[in-house]
Amino acid sequence: MVRQLWPLLLFCGLVPLYAQDALSALKAAAGGMYSSFTANFTYTSSGGAVNSGKIYYQYPNKLHVRTSNGGVIATNGTHLWIYNPASAICARQDVGGSSGGIIGLLSGYEGQIRGNSYVFRKPGAYYEEVVVTVSNGMIASVRLRHEDETSVYSFSGIQLDAGIKGSLFTFKPPANAQLVENPLNR
């Protein structure tokens, strides 16, 4: 998945690239694909929201995010679960093995490189600007801008090839949770 870099362009500060070239440079700078990792995350928004938690990833298409308030976002590559303990609602969506992640999100964006940050813009998209910062071969933060709202996800305590159990990615909501099937299909 990692394409050859244009090494000289990385040192030029601000470099406009086609999206695929910027994505390739980002993948190379972030060390390529990992079989699994865990990390702590902090989420902040310009509107004042703050949350934190732990993220677990296993290649391919498996993700489990547990927030400090007990919320869960999990996918095993076939289904996506989003659980909100405050409302006791769990949405389960068929995803059919599709993968998105940050690379999927950036499809069609125009990219630039600014030092160790990769700036992607797409006028008219939900996120008009996405900035990914890389440090020591890993994604350190992702900043998403939608209209006047900015959200930042920062990652720390990253452990590669963490030996995560596969059962973690098939979420089982609590018995008292209301399950909503395929809410995005309505």
Protein backbone atom coordinates (compact mmCIF):
# COMPACT_ATOMS: atom_id res chain seq x y z
CA MET A 1 0.00 0.00 0.00
CA VAL A 2 2.88 2.36 0.55
CA ARG A 3 3.97 4.08 -2.66
CA GLN A 4 7.37 5.51 -3.38
CA LEU A 5 7.93 8.96 -1.87
CA TRP A 6 9.14 12.02 -3.59
CA PRO A 7 11.84 12.65 -0.92
CA LEU A 8 12.85 16.09 -2.07
CA LEU A 9 9.30 17.41 -1.94
CA LEU A 10 8.99 16.51 1.74
CA PHE A 11 11.60 19.12 2.62
CA CYS A 12 10.02 21.99 0.70
CA GLY A 13 7.57 23.06 3.43
CA LEU A 14 4.23 23.48 1.71
CA VAL A 15 3.88 21.18 -1.29
CA PRO A 16 0.63 20.83 -3.28
CA LEU A 17 0.14 17.23 -4.38
CA TYR A 18 -2.57 15.14 -5.92
CA ALA A 19 -4.53 13.39 -3.18
CA GLN A 20 -3.04 9.98 -3.97
CA ASP A 21 0.53 11.35 -3.77
CA ALA A 22 -0.16 13.06 -0.44
CA LEU A 23 -1.87 9.92 0.87
CA SER A 24 1.11 7.82 -0.23
CA ALA A 25 3.47 10.19 1.53
CA LEU A 26 1.31 10.06 4.66
CA LYS A 27 1.24 6.25 4.63
CA ALA A 28 5.01 6.14 4.24
CA ALA A 29 5.58 8.66 7.03
CA ALA A 30 3.22 6.76 9.34
CA GLY A 31 5.16 3.54 8.83
CA GLY A 32 2.69 1.72 6.63
CA MET A 33 0.26 -0.90 7.86
CA TYR A 34 0.42 -2.51 11.28
CA SER A 35 -1.08 -5.85 12.19
CA SER A 36 -2.45 -4.32 15.40
CA PHE A 37 -1.98 -1.46 17.85
CA THR A 38 -3.49 0.12 20.92
CA ALA A 39 -3.35 3.79 21.90
CA ASN A 40 -4.85 6.28 24.30
CA PHE A 41 -6.76 9.13 22.68
CA THR A 42 -8.07 12.52 23.65
CA TYR A 43 -10.83 14.26 21.72
CA THR A 44 -11.37 18.01 21.98
CA SER A 45 -13.62 20.28 19.98
CA SER A 46 -13.69 24.03 19.52
CA GLY A 47 -17.21 23.87 20.98
CA GLY A 48 -15.77 22.76 24.34
CA ALA A 49 -16.42 19.02 24.21
CA VAL A 50 -13.68 16.83 25.65
CA ASN A 51 -13.48 13.04 25.80
CA SER A 52 -10.78 10.44 26.11
CA GLY A 53 -10.38 6.71 25.96
CA LYS A 54 -8.58 3.80 24.38
CA ILE A 55 -8.46 2.63 20.77
CA TYR A 56 -7.70 -0.92 19.61
CA TYR A 57 -6.99 -1.72 15.97
CA GLN A 58 -6.38 -5.01 14.18
CA TYR A 59 -5.72 -5.35 10.47
CA PRO A 60 -7.88 -5.48 8.41
CA ASN A 61 -11.03 -3.50 9.20
CA LYS A 62 -11.24 -4.16 12.95
CA LEU A 63 -11.56 -1.32 15.42
CA HIS A 64 -12.72 -0.93 19.02
CA VAL A 65 -12.92 2.47 20.70
CA ARG A 66 -13.90 2.76 24.36
CA THR A 67 -14.51 6.26 25.71
CA SER A 68 -14.07 7.40 29.30
CA ASN A 69 -17.86 7.83 29.61
CA GLY A 70 -18.46 4.16 28.69
CA GLY A 71 -19.32 4.69 25.02
CA VAL A 72 -18.16 2.14 22.48
CA ILE A 73 -17.58 2.22 18.74
CA ALA A 74 -16.58 -1.18 17.39
CA THR A 75 -16.39 -2.95 14.05
CA ASN A 76 -15.36 -6.43 13.06
CA GLY A 77 -15.39 -5.50 9.36
CA THR A 78 -18.92 -6.85 8.89
CA HIS A 79 -20.90 -4.84 11.46
CA LEU A 80 -20.38 -1.50 13.15
CA TRP A 81 -21.73 -0.93 16.68
CA ILE A 82 -22.12 2.48 18.30
CA TYR A 83 -23.17 2.31 21.94
CA ASN A 84 -24.14 5.31 24.06
CA PRO A 85 -24.51 4.38 27.74
CA ALA A 86 -26.29 7.68 28.57
CA SER A 87 -29.23 6.74 26.33
CA ALA A 88 -28.78 2.94 26.57
CA ILE A 89 -29.06 2.81 22.76
CA CYS A 90 -26.81 0.68 20.57
CA ALA A 91 -26.87 1.13 16.80
CA ARG A 92 -25.68 -1.79 14.70
CA GLN A 93 -24.95 -1.12 11.05
CA ASP A 94 -24.02 -3.62 8.33
CA VAL A 95 -20.76 -2.46 6.74
CA GLY A 96 -20.13 -5.47 4.51
CA GLY A 97 -16.37 -5.65 4.94
CA SER A 98 -15.78 -2.13 3.68
CA SER A 99 -12.93 -0.16 5.11
CA GLY A 100 -12.76 3.54 5.59
CA GLY A 101 -10.51 4.90 8.25
CA ILE A 102 -8.52 8.03 7.65
CA ILE A 103 -7.39 6.88 4.20
CA GLY A 104 -10.99 6.25 3.10
CA LEU A 105 -12.06 9.62 4.50
CA LEU A 106 -9.42 11.43 2.43
CA SER A 107 -10.45 9.99 -0.92
CA GLY A 108 -10.86 12.86 -3.38
CA TYR A 109 -9.14 15.46 -1.21
CA GLU A 110 -6.26 17.64 -2.45
CA GLY A 111 -3.22 17.25 -0.22
CA GLN A 112 -0.25 19.34 0.90
CA ILE A 113 2.70 18.57 3.13
CA ARG A 114 3.75 21.03 5.86
CA GLY A 115 6.70 19.55 7.75
CA ASN A 116 5.29 16.57 9.66
CA SER A 117 1.66 17.54 8.94
CA TYR A 118 -0.42 16.47 5.95
CA VAL A 119 -3.15 18.96 5.07
CA PHE A 120 -6.08 17.74 2.97
CA ARG A 121 -8.85 20.00 1.65
CA LYS A 122 -12.02 19.35 -0.29
CA PRO A 123 -14.46 22.24 -0.74
CA GLY A 124 -18.05 21.13 -0.24
CA ALA A 125 -17.14 17.99 1.72
CA TYR A 126 -18.50 17.52 5.24
CA TYR A 127 -14.96 17.96 6.57
CA GLU A 128 -13.56 20.78 4.46
CA GLU A 129 -10.09 20.32 5.94
CA VAL A 130 -8.34 17.36 7.56
CA VAL A 131 -4.85 17.74 9.04
CA VAL A 132 -2.94 14.61 10.00
CA THR A 133 0.25 15.03 12.05
CA VAL A 134 2.83 12.24 12.19
CA SER A 135 5.47 11.79 14.88
CA ASN A 136 7.97 8.92 15.22
CA GLY A 137 6.31 6.93 12.44
CA MET A 138 2.79 7.02 13.93
CA ILE A 139 -0.22 9.30 13.56
CA ALA A 140 -0.02 11.70 16.51
CA SER A 141 -3.17 13.71 15.81
CA VAL A 142 -6.01 14.27 13.37
CA ARG A 143 -7.76 17.65 13.14
CA LEU A 144 -11.12 17.80 11.34
CA ARG A 145 -12.78 21.09 10.35
CA HIS A 146 -16.50 21.28 9.57
CA GLU A 147 -17.81 24.81 9.02
CA ASP A 148 -16.82 26.74 12.19
CA GLU A 149 -16.29 23.62 14.34
CA THR A 150 -12.89 21.96 14.72
CA SER A 151 -12.33 18.56 16.36
CA VAL A 152 -8.92 17.19 17.30
CA TYR A 153 -8.05 13.57 18.09
CA SER A 154 -4.64 13.17 19.76
CA PHE A 155 -2.98 9.78 20.29
CA SER A 156 -0.43 8.69 22.89
CA GLY A 157 0.88 5.53 24.53
CA ILE A 158 0.88 3.66 21.23
CA GLN A 159 1.78 -0.03 21.43
CA LEU A 160 2.34 -1.91 18.16
CA ASP A 161 1.41 -5.53 17.55
CA ALA A 162 -0.35 -5.61 20.88
CA GLY A 163 -1.81 -9.14 20.65
CA ILE A 164 -5.44 -8.02 20.82
CA LYS A 165 -8.11 -10.74 21.10
CA GLY A 166 -10.39 -10.88 18.05
CA SER A 167 -13.52 -11.12 20.23
CA LEU A 168 -13.04 -7.48 21.24
CA PHE A 169 -14.25 -6.36 17.81
CA THR A 170 -17.67 -8.05 18.00
CA PHE A 171 -19.47 -5.84 20.50
CA LYS A 172 -22.18 -7.28 22.72
CA PRO A 173 -24.34 -4.46 24.12
CA PRO A 174 -25.68 -4.70 27.68
CA ALA A 175 -28.97 -6.58 28.04
CA ASN A 176 -30.86 -3.36 28.90
CA ALA A 177 -29.68 -1.53 25.75
CA GLN A 178 -32.14 -0.81 22.95
CA LEU A 179 -30.68 -2.20 19.71
CA VAL A 180 -31.35 -0.20 16.53
CA GLU A 181 -30.55 -2.15 13.34
CA ASN A 182 -29.09 -0.39 10.28
CA PRO A 183 -30.06 3.19 11.23
CA LEU A 184 -28.12 4.59 8.26
CA ASN A 185 -30.33 2.69 5.79
CA ARG A 186 -33.43 4.69 6.71
